[in-house]
Amino acid sequence: MSVITPTQQELKILESLREHRRKHREEYPQQAKLHADAPSQLTLGQKISDQVAKAVGSWKFIIGQSICIVGWISYNSLNNASWDPYPFILLNLILSFQAAYTAPAIMMSQNRQSDIDRHQANNDFEVNVKAELEIELLHQKIDMMKEKELAILIATVKELSLKIDSNK
């Protein structure tokens, strides 16, 4: 049975990962404030884009907008003196303006969220690499302990065999 020992390079990588994680744990409270948990750190544009994305991406908004559109169409279809007769050009213009301004705001919010997600994924990767190396070291320690135990057992068996042979 051969023992696989970590190379110096692997040990250096493990130690650098340990140090990096130590620093990350120390800095975590400050980093958390920079992200979604601390809205006071966000710029005005980020706050607006988050609020627009939150509002437009809700059932309350969809239902409210649907009621407004149905009301608009109903009022303009049933009244002879309507301000926006069929084909509802003013309604189309308003909806186009709404789409033109909400889409970029939503994209800004999604970009910021993807940056946060990327940062978290990088942290998860580093933790996984460190855990993998730690598990490998634990396996090596267990293998070494088994080898020592096996060597002791072999020595004990030889010793007992010698005693049995000498008693015959």
N, C-alpha and C. Protein backbone atom coordinates (compact mmCIF):
# COMPACT_ATOMS: atom_id res chain seq x y z
N MET A 1 0.85 -1.18 0.00
CA MET A 1 0.00 0.00 0.00
C MET A 1 0.89 1.23 0.00
N SER A 2 0.71 2.11 -0.97
CA SER A 2 1.55 3.29 -1.06
C SER A 2 0.77 4.52 -0.60
N VAL A 3 1.47 5.40 0.06
CA VAL A 3 0.87 6.62 0.56
C VAL A 3 1.14 7.74 -0.43
N ILE A 4 0.08 8.44 -0.81
CA ILE A 4 0.23 9.58 -1.70
C ILE A 4 0.35 10.82 -0.83
N THR A 5 1.51 11.44 -0.89
CA THR A 5 1.72 12.65 -0.10
C THR A 5 1.57 13.86 -0.99
N PRO A 6 1.04 14.93 -0.43
CA PRO A 6 0.86 16.14 -1.25
C PRO A 6 2.21 16.75 -1.61
N THR A 7 2.27 17.31 -2.79
CA THR A 7 3.50 17.97 -3.23
C THR A 7 3.62 19.31 -2.53
N GLN A 8 4.78 19.89 -2.58
CA GLN A 8 4.99 21.20 -1.98
C GLN A 8 4.10 22.25 -2.64
N GLN A 9 3.92 22.10 -3.95
CA GLN A 9 3.08 23.05 -4.68
C GLN A 9 1.64 22.95 -4.19
N GLU A 10 1.13 21.74 -3.99
CA GLU A 10 -0.24 21.57 -3.50
C GLU A 10 -0.39 22.15 -2.09
N LEU A 11 0.61 21.94 -1.25
CA LEU A 11 0.56 22.49 0.10
C LEU A 11 0.59 24.03 0.08
N LYS A 12 1.37 24.59 -0.84
CA LYS A 12 1.42 26.05 -0.97
C LYS A 12 0.06 26.58 -1.43
N ILE A 13 -0.54 25.90 -2.40
CA ILE A 13 -1.86 26.31 -2.89
C ILE A 13 -2.88 26.24 -1.76
N LEU A 14 -2.86 25.16 -1.01
CA LEU A 14 -3.79 25.00 0.11
C LEU A 14 -3.59 26.10 1.13
N GLU A 15 -2.36 26.40 1.46
CA GLU A 15 -2.10 27.45 2.44
C GLU A 15 -2.53 28.82 1.92
N SER A 16 -2.30 29.09 0.63
CA SER A 16 -2.73 30.38 0.08
C SER A 16 -4.26 30.47 0.07
N LEU A 17 -4.93 29.35 -0.21
CA LEU A 17 -6.39 29.34 -0.16
C LEU A 17 -6.89 29.55 1.26
N ARG A 18 -6.23 28.94 2.22
CA ARG A 18 -6.61 29.14 3.62
C ARG A 18 -6.48 30.61 4.01
N GLU A 19 -5.36 31.20 3.61
CA GLU A 19 -5.12 32.62 3.93
C GLU A 19 -6.16 33.51 3.24
N HIS A 20 -6.43 33.21 1.99
CA HIS A 20 -7.43 34.00 1.25
C HIS A 20 -8.80 33.90 1.92
N ARG A 21 -9.20 32.71 2.34
CA ARG A 21 -10.50 32.53 3.00
C ARG A 21 -10.51 33.24 4.35
N ARG A 22 -9.37 33.23 5.07
CA ARG A 22 -9.30 33.94 6.34
C ARG A 22 -9.54 35.43 6.12
N LYS A 23 -8.88 35.99 5.11
CA LYS A 23 -9.06 37.41 4.81
C LYS A 23 -10.50 37.68 4.38
N HIS A 24 -11.05 36.78 3.59
CA HIS A 24 -12.44 36.95 3.12
C HIS A 24 -13.40 36.96 4.30
N ARG A 25 -13.19 36.07 5.28
CA ARG A 25 -14.08 36.03 6.44
C ARG A 25 -13.97 37.32 7.25
N GLU A 26 -12.76 37.88 7.32
CA GLU A 26 -12.57 39.14 8.04
C GLU A 26 -13.24 40.30 7.31
N GLU A 27 -13.18 40.29 5.98
CA GLU A 27 -13.73 41.37 5.18
C GLU A 27 -15.20 41.20 4.86
N TYR A 28 -15.78 40.05 5.19
CA TYR A 28 -17.16 39.74 4.77
C TYR A 28 -18.17 40.79 5.21
N PRO A 29 -18.13 41.28 6.46
CA PRO A 29 -19.12 42.29 6.84
C PRO A 29 -19.06 43.55 5.97
N GLN A 30 -17.84 43.97 5.59
CA GLN A 30 -17.72 45.15 4.73
C GLN A 30 -18.19 44.84 3.32
N GLN A 31 -17.91 43.63 2.80
CA GLN A 31 -18.33 43.27 1.45
C GLN A 31 -19.84 43.14 1.36
N ALA A 32 -20.45 42.65 2.41
CA ALA A 32 -21.90 42.49 2.39
C ALA A 32 -22.59 43.84 2.25
N LYS A 33 -21.99 44.88 2.83
CA LYS A 33 -22.58 46.20 2.72
C LYS A 33 -22.53 46.75 1.30
N LEU A 34 -21.58 46.28 0.51
CA LEU A 34 -21.44 46.77 -0.86
C LEU A 34 -22.48 46.18 -1.79
N HIS A 35 -23.11 45.10 -1.38
CA HIS A 35 -24.04 44.40 -2.26
C HIS A 35 -25.48 44.70 -1.89
N ALA A 36 -26.37 43.85 -2.27
CA ALA A 36 -27.81 44.09 -2.14
C ALA A 36 -28.26 44.27 -0.70
N ASP A 37 -27.48 43.77 0.25
CA ASP A 37 -27.89 43.86 1.65
C ASP A 37 -27.80 45.30 2.18
N ALA A 38 -27.08 46.16 1.50
CA ALA A 38 -26.89 47.52 1.98
C ALA A 38 -27.28 48.52 0.90
N PRO A 39 -28.57 48.83 0.77
CA PRO A 39 -29.02 49.75 -0.27
C PRO A 39 -28.42 51.15 -0.14
N SER A 40 -27.97 51.55 1.05
CA SER A 40 -27.41 52.89 1.21
C SER A 40 -26.11 53.06 0.43
N GLN A 41 -25.43 51.96 0.08
CA GLN A 41 -24.17 52.02 -0.66
C GLN A 41 -24.39 52.11 -2.17
N LEU A 42 -25.63 51.92 -2.62
CA LEU A 42 -25.92 51.92 -4.05
C LEU A 42 -26.01 53.35 -4.58
N THR A 43 -25.68 53.50 -5.86
CA THR A 43 -25.84 54.80 -6.49
C THR A 43 -27.32 55.04 -6.76
N LEU A 44 -27.65 56.27 -7.10
CA LEU A 44 -29.05 56.61 -7.38
C LEU A 44 -29.56 55.81 -8.57
N GLY A 45 -28.74 55.67 -9.61
CA GLY A 45 -29.14 54.89 -10.78
C GLY A 45 -29.41 53.44 -10.44
N GLN A 46 -28.57 52.86 -9.58
CA GLN A 46 -28.76 51.46 -9.17
C GLN A 46 -30.05 51.31 -8.37
N LYS A 47 -30.30 52.27 -7.48
CA LYS A 47 -31.53 52.21 -6.69
C LYS A 47 -32.77 52.30 -7.59
N ILE A 48 -32.72 53.23 -8.55
CA ILE A 48 -33.86 53.40 -9.46
C ILE A 48 -34.07 52.15 -10.31
N SER A 49 -32.99 51.61 -10.86
CA SER A 49 -33.13 50.42 -11.70
C SER A 49 -33.67 49.24 -10.90
N ASP A 50 -33.23 49.09 -9.65
CA ASP A 50 -33.76 48.01 -8.81
C ASP A 50 -35.24 48.20 -8.52
N GLN A 51 -35.64 49.44 -8.24
CA GLN A 51 -37.05 49.70 -7.96
C GLN A 51 -37.92 49.49 -9.19
N VAL A 52 -37.42 49.91 -10.36
CA VAL A 52 -38.18 49.70 -11.60
C VAL A 52 -38.32 48.21 -11.87
N ALA A 53 -37.25 47.47 -11.75
CA ALA A 53 -37.30 46.03 -11.99
C ALA A 53 -38.23 45.34 -10.99
N LYS A 54 -38.18 45.80 -9.75
CA LYS A 54 -39.06 45.22 -8.73
C LYS A 54 -40.52 45.51 -9.02
N ALA A 55 -40.81 46.76 -9.43
CA ALA A 55 -42.20 47.15 -9.70
C ALA A 55 -42.74 46.49 -10.96
N VAL A 56 -41.97 46.56 -12.05
CA VAL A 56 -42.44 46.04 -13.33
C VAL A 56 -42.51 44.51 -13.31
N GLY A 57 -41.72 43.89 -12.51
CA GLY A 57 -41.70 42.44 -12.44
C GLY A 57 -42.65 41.87 -11.41
N SER A 58 -43.74 42.56 -11.13
CA SER A 58 -44.69 42.07 -10.13
C SER A 58 -46.07 41.86 -10.74
N TRP A 59 -46.84 40.98 -10.12
CA TRP A 59 -48.21 40.74 -10.58
C TRP A 59 -49.08 41.98 -10.35
N LYS A 60 -48.78 42.72 -9.32
CA LYS A 60 -49.54 43.95 -9.05
C LYS A 60 -49.44 44.89 -10.25
N PHE A 61 -48.24 45.04 -10.79
CA PHE A 61 -48.05 45.91 -11.95
C PHE A 61 -48.77 45.36 -13.18
N ILE A 62 -48.63 44.06 -13.42
CA ILE A 62 -49.26 43.45 -14.61
C ILE A 62 -50.77 43.59 -14.55
N ILE A 63 -51.35 43.30 -13.39
CA ILE A 63 -52.80 43.42 -13.24
C ILE A 63 -53.23 44.87 -13.36
N GLY A 64 -52.50 45.77 -12.71
CA GLY A 64 -52.85 47.20 -12.80
C GLY A 64 -52.75 47.72 -14.22
N GLN A 65 -51.70 47.35 -14.92
CA GLN A 65 -51.54 47.81 -16.30
C GLN A 65 -52.63 47.21 -17.19
N SER A 66 -52.95 45.95 -16.96
CA SER A 66 -54.01 45.31 -17.76
C SER A 66 -55.35 46.01 -17.55
N ILE A 67 -55.65 46.36 -16.31
CA ILE A 67 -56.90 47.08 -16.02
C ILE A 67 -56.89 48.44 -16.70
N CYS A 68 -55.77 49.14 -16.65
CA CYS A 68 -55.68 50.46 -17.31
C CYS A 68 -55.87 50.34 -18.83
N ILE A 69 -55.26 49.34 -19.44
CA ILE A 69 -55.37 49.16 -20.90
C ILE A 69 -56.80 48.81 -21.28
N VAL A 70 -57.41 47.89 -20.52
CA VAL A 70 -58.81 47.53 -20.81
C VAL A 70 -59.72 48.73 -20.62
N GLY A 71 -59.48 49.51 -19.56
CA GLY A 71 -60.28 50.73 -19.33
C GLY A 71 -60.08 51.74 -20.45
N TRP A 72 -58.85 51.93 -20.86
CA TRP A 72 -58.53 52.87 -21.94
C TRP A 72 -59.26 52.47 -23.22
N ILE A 73 -59.11 51.20 -23.59
CA ILE A 73 -59.73 50.71 -24.83
C ILE A 73 -61.24 50.78 -24.72
N SER A 74 -61.80 50.39 -23.58
CA SER A 74 -63.26 50.42 -23.40
C SER A 74 -63.79 51.84 -23.50
N TYR A 75 -63.17 52.76 -22.78
CA TYR A 75 -63.64 54.14 -22.79
C TYR A 75 -63.56 54.74 -24.20
N ASN A 76 -62.45 54.49 -24.88
CA ASN A 76 -62.27 55.07 -26.21
C ASN A 76 -63.09 54.36 -27.28
N SER A 77 -63.49 53.15 -27.03
CA SER A 77 -64.33 52.43 -28.00
C SER A 77 -65.80 52.78 -27.83
N LEU A 78 -66.24 52.99 -26.59
CA LEU A 78 -67.66 53.22 -26.31
C LEU A 78 -68.07 54.69 -26.44
N ASN A 79 -67.18 55.62 -26.24
CA ASN A 79 -67.50 57.05 -26.32
C ASN A 79 -67.21 57.57 -27.72
N ASN A 80 -68.14 58.35 -28.22
CA ASN A 80 -67.95 58.93 -29.54
C ASN A 80 -66.92 60.05 -29.52
N ALA A 81 -66.86 60.77 -28.42
CA ALA A 81 -65.92 61.89 -28.31
C ALA A 81 -64.66 61.44 -27.56
N SER A 82 -64.03 60.42 -28.02
CA SER A 82 -62.85 59.89 -27.32
C SER A 82 -61.59 60.61 -27.77
N TRP A 83 -60.58 60.63 -26.92
CA TRP A 83 -59.33 61.31 -27.26
C TRP A 83 -58.35 60.39 -28.00
N ASP A 84 -58.61 59.06 -28.01
CA ASP A 84 -57.72 58.13 -28.70
C ASP A 84 -58.56 57.05 -29.40
N PRO A 85 -59.10 57.40 -30.57
CA PRO A 85 -59.96 56.42 -31.25
C PRO A 85 -59.14 55.25 -31.80
N TYR A 86 -59.89 54.19 -32.15
CA TYR A 86 -59.26 53.02 -32.74
C TYR A 86 -58.42 53.47 -33.93
N PRO A 87 -57.22 53.08 -34.07
CA PRO A 87 -56.40 51.97 -33.58
C PRO A 87 -55.55 52.29 -32.35
N PHE A 88 -55.98 53.24 -31.54
CA PHE A 88 -55.34 53.56 -30.26
C PHE A 88 -53.86 53.91 -30.41
N ILE A 89 -53.58 54.87 -31.24
CA ILE A 89 -52.21 55.28 -31.51
C ILE A 89 -51.55 55.87 -30.26
N LEU A 90 -52.28 56.65 -29.50
CA LEU A 90 -51.72 57.25 -28.28
C LEU A 90 -51.37 56.16 -27.26
N LEU A 91 -52.25 55.17 -27.14
CA LEU A 91 -51.97 54.05 -26.23
C LEU A 91 -50.70 53.30 -26.67
N ASN A 92 -50.56 53.06 -27.95
CA ASN A 92 -49.35 52.41 -28.48
C ASN A 92 -48.10 53.24 -28.19
N LEU A 93 -48.22 54.54 -28.34
CA LEU A 93 -47.09 55.43 -28.06
C LEU A 93 -46.70 55.37 -26.59
N ILE A 94 -47.69 55.39 -25.71
CA ILE A 94 -47.41 55.33 -24.26
C ILE A 94 -46.75 54.00 -23.90
N LEU A 95 -47.27 52.91 -24.44
CA LEU A 95 -46.70 51.59 -24.14
C LEU A 95 -45.28 51.46 -24.72
N SER A 96 -45.05 52.06 -25.89
CA SER A 96 -43.71 52.04 -26.47
C SER A 96 -42.72 52.81 -25.61
N PHE A 97 -43.15 53.98 -25.12
CA PHE A 97 -42.29 54.76 -24.22
C PHE A 97 -42.00 53.97 -22.95
N GLN A 98 -43.02 53.33 -22.41
CA GLN A 98 -42.84 52.54 -21.20
C GLN A 98 -41.81 51.43 -21.44
N ALA A 99 -41.94 50.72 -22.54
CA ALA A 99 -41.01 49.63 -22.86
C ALA A 99 -39.60 50.17 -23.10
N ALA A 100 -39.51 51.31 -23.77
CA ALA A 100 -38.20 51.90 -24.09
C ALA A 100 -37.43 52.29 -22.84
N TYR A 101 -38.13 52.71 -21.80
CA TYR A 101 -37.44 53.14 -20.59
C TYR A 101 -37.30 52.04 -19.54
N THR A 102 -38.25 51.13 -19.49
CA THR A 102 -38.13 50.08 -18.46
C THR A 102 -37.12 49.01 -18.86
N ALA A 103 -37.01 48.69 -20.13
CA ALA A 103 -36.08 47.63 -20.55
C ALA A 103 -34.63 47.94 -20.14
N PRO A 104 -34.09 49.13 -20.43
CA PRO A 104 -32.71 49.41 -19.99
C PRO A 104 -32.56 49.42 -18.46
N ALA A 105 -33.58 49.91 -17.76
CA ALA A 105 -33.50 49.92 -16.29
C ALA A 105 -33.46 48.50 -15.75
N ILE A 106 -34.26 47.62 -16.33
CA ILE A 106 -34.26 46.22 -15.91
C ILE A 106 -32.91 45.58 -16.24
N MET A 107 -32.37 45.89 -17.41
CA MET A 107 -31.06 45.33 -17.80
C MET A 107 -29.96 45.79 -16.84
N MET A 108 -30.01 47.07 -16.41
CA MET A 108 -29.01 47.55 -15.45
C MET A 108 -29.11 46.78 -14.14
N SER A 109 -30.33 46.55 -13.68
CA SER A 109 -30.53 45.80 -12.44
C SER A 109 -30.04 44.36 -12.60
N GLN A 110 -30.32 43.76 -13.74
CA GLN A 110 -29.86 42.38 -13.99
C GLN A 110 -28.34 42.31 -14.08
N ASN A 111 -27.72 43.32 -14.70
CA ASN A 111 -26.25 43.34 -14.78
C ASN A 111 -25.62 43.43 -13.40
N ARG A 112 -26.20 44.27 -12.56
CA ARG A 112 -25.68 44.39 -11.20
C ARG A 112 -25.86 43.08 -10.44
N GLN A 113 -27.02 42.45 -10.62
CA GLN A 113 -27.27 41.17 -9.96
C GLN A 113 -26.32 40.09 -10.48
N SER A 114 -26.03 40.12 -11.78
CA SER A 114 -25.10 39.11 -12.33
C SER A 114 -23.69 39.33 -11.79
N ASP A 115 -23.29 40.59 -11.54
CA ASP A 115 -21.99 40.85 -10.92
C ASP A 115 -21.95 40.26 -9.51
N ILE A 116 -23.03 40.44 -8.77
CA ILE A 116 -23.10 39.87 -7.42
C ILE A 116 -23.05 38.35 -7.49
N ASP A 117 -23.80 37.77 -8.42
CA ASP A 117 -23.82 36.31 -8.58
C ASP A 117 -22.45 35.78 -8.98
N ARG A 118 -21.76 36.50 -9.86
CA ARG A 118 -20.43 36.09 -10.30
C ARG A 118 -19.46 36.09 -9.12
N HIS A 119 -19.55 37.12 -8.29
CA HIS A 119 -18.69 37.23 -7.11
C HIS A 119 -18.98 36.05 -6.16
N GLN A 120 -20.25 35.75 -5.94
CA GLN A 120 -20.61 34.64 -5.06
C GLN A 120 -20.16 33.30 -5.65
N ALA A 121 -20.29 33.14 -6.97
CA ALA A 121 -19.85 31.90 -7.61
C ALA A 121 -18.34 31.73 -7.48
N ASN A 122 -17.60 32.82 -7.59
CA ASN A 122 -16.15 32.76 -7.41
C ASN A 122 -15.80 32.35 -5.99
N ASN A 123 -16.51 32.91 -5.02
CA ASN A 123 -16.28 32.52 -3.62
C ASN A 123 -16.62 31.05 -3.41
N ASP A 124 -17.72 30.59 -3.99
CA ASP A 124 -18.11 29.18 -3.87
C ASP A 124 -17.04 28.27 -4.47
N PHE A 125 -16.50 28.68 -5.62
CA PHE A 125 -15.45 27.88 -6.26
C PHE A 125 -14.24 27.78 -5.36
N GLU A 126 -13.82 28.90 -4.78
CA GLU A 126 -12.66 28.88 -3.91
C GLU A 126 -12.89 27.99 -2.70
N VAL A 127 -14.08 28.05 -2.13
CA VAL A 127 -14.41 27.20 -0.99
C VAL A 127 -14.37 25.74 -1.40
N ASN A 128 -14.90 25.43 -2.58
CA ASN A 128 -14.91 24.04 -3.05
C ASN A 128 -13.50 23.51 -3.28
N VAL A 129 -12.63 24.34 -3.85
CA VAL A 129 -11.24 23.92 -4.08
C VAL A 129 -10.55 23.67 -2.75
N LYS A 130 -10.75 24.58 -1.81
CA LYS A 130 -10.14 24.41 -0.49
C LYS A 130 -10.67 23.14 0.18
N ALA A 131 -11.98 22.92 0.10
CA ALA A 131 -12.56 21.73 0.71
C ALA A 131 -12.01 20.46 0.07
N GLU A 132 -11.85 20.48 -1.24
CA GLU A 132 -11.30 19.33 -1.95
C GLU A 132 -9.88 19.01 -1.46
N LEU A 133 -9.07 20.05 -1.34
CA LEU A 133 -7.69 19.84 -0.86
C LEU A 133 -7.67 19.37 0.58
N GLU A 134 -8.54 19.92 1.41
CA GLU A 134 -8.62 19.50 2.81
C GLU A 134 -9.05 18.04 2.90
N ILE A 135 -10.01 17.65 2.08
CA ILE A 135 -10.47 16.26 2.08
C ILE A 135 -9.36 15.32 1.63
N GLU A 136 -8.61 15.74 0.62
CA GLU A 136 -7.47 14.93 0.18
C GLU A 136 -6.46 14.74 1.31
N LEU A 137 -6.18 15.82 2.04
CA LEU A 137 -5.24 15.71 3.16
C LEU A 137 -5.79 14.78 4.25
N LEU A 138 -7.09 14.88 4.51
CA LEU A 138 -7.69 13.98 5.50
C LEU A 138 -7.59 12.52 5.05
N HIS A 139 -7.84 12.28 3.77
CA HIS A 139 -7.69 10.92 3.24
C HIS A 139 -6.26 10.42 3.42
N GLN A 140 -5.30 11.29 3.16
CA GLN A 140 -3.90 10.90 3.31
C GLN A 140 -3.58 10.58 4.77
N LYS A 141 -4.11 11.39 5.69
CA LYS A 141 -3.88 11.13 7.11
C LYS A 141 -4.49 9.79 7.52
N ILE A 142 -5.71 9.54 7.06
CA ILE A 142 -6.37 8.27 7.38
C ILE A 142 -5.59 7.10 6.80
N ASP A 143 -5.13 7.25 5.55
CA ASP A 143 -4.32 6.18 4.93
C ASP A 143 -3.04 5.92 5.73
N MET A 144 -2.40 7.00 6.19
CA MET A 144 -1.19 6.83 6.98
C MET A 144 -1.50 6.12 8.30
N MET A 145 -2.61 6.48 8.93
CA MET A 145 -2.99 5.83 10.18
C MET A 145 -3.28 4.35 9.94
N LYS A 146 -3.95 4.03 8.83
CA LYS A 146 -4.24 2.64 8.50
C LYS A 146 -2.95 1.87 8.26
N GLU A 147 -2.00 2.49 7.56
CA GLU A 147 -0.72 1.84 7.30
C GLU A 147 0.03 1.57 8.59
N LYS A 148 0.02 2.53 9.51
CA LYS A 148 0.68 2.33 10.80
C LYS A 148 0.01 1.20 11.57
N GLU A 149 -1.33 1.23 11.56
CA GLU A 149 -2.08 0.19 12.26
C GLU A 149 -1.80 -1.18 11.63
N LEU A 150 -1.78 -1.21 10.31
CA LEU A 150 -1.50 -2.46 9.61
C LEU A 150 -0.08 -2.95 9.92
N ALA A 151 0.87 -2.03 9.97
CA ALA A 151 2.25 -2.40 10.30
C ALA A 151 2.33 -2.97 11.71
N ILE A 152 1.61 -2.34 12.65
CA ILE A 152 1.58 -2.84 14.03
C ILE A 152 0.95 -4.23 14.08
N LEU A 153 -0.15 -4.40 13.36
CA LEU A 153 -0.81 -5.71 13.32
C LEU A 153 0.09 -6.77 12.71
N ILE A 154 0.79 -6.44 11.65
CA ILE A 154 1.71 -7.40 11.02
C ILE A 154 2.82 -7.77 12.00
N ALA A 155 3.35 -6.75 12.69
CA ALA A 155 4.41 -7.02 13.67
C ALA A 155 3.88 -7.89 14.80
N THR A 156 2.67 -7.65 15.25
CA THR A 156 2.06 -8.44 16.32
C THR A 156 1.81 -9.87 15.87
N VAL A 157 1.33 -10.03 14.64
CA VAL A 157 1.10 -11.37 14.09
C VAL A 157 2.42 -12.14 13.98
N LYS A 158 3.47 -11.49 13.52
CA LYS A 158 4.78 -12.14 13.43
C LYS A 158 5.27 -12.55 14.81
N GLU A 159 5.09 -11.62 15.76
CA GLU A 159 5.52 -11.90 17.13
C GLU A 159 4.76 -13.09 17.70
N LEU A 160 3.44 -13.11 17.49
CA LEU A 160 2.64 -14.23 17.99
C LEU A 160 3.00 -15.53 17.25
N SER A 161 3.27 -15.43 15.97
CA SER A 161 3.66 -16.62 15.20
C SER A 161 4.97 -17.19 15.73
N LEU A 162 5.91 -16.30 16.06
CA LEU A 162 7.18 -16.74 16.63
C LEU A 162 6.98 -17.43 17.98
N LYS A 163 6.10 -16.88 18.78
CA LYS A 163 5.81 -17.47 20.10
C LYS A 163 5.16 -18.84 19.95
N ILE A 164 4.23 -18.92 18.99
CA ILE A 164 3.56 -20.21 18.73
C ILE A 164 4.56 -21.22 18.23
N ASP A 165 5.44 -20.80 17.30
CA ASP A 165 6.45 -21.70 16.73
C ASP A 165 7.44 -22.14 17.84
N SER A 166 7.78 -21.25 18.73
CA SER A 166 8.76 -21.58 19.78
C SER A 166 8.14 -22.51 20.83
N ASN A 167 6.83 -22.48 21.01
CA ASN A 167 6.15 -23.34 21.98
C ASN A 167 5.95 -24.76 21.44
N LYS A 168 6.06 -24.98 20.18
CA LYS A 168 5.85 -26.32 19.59
C LYS A 168 6.97 -27.21 19.79
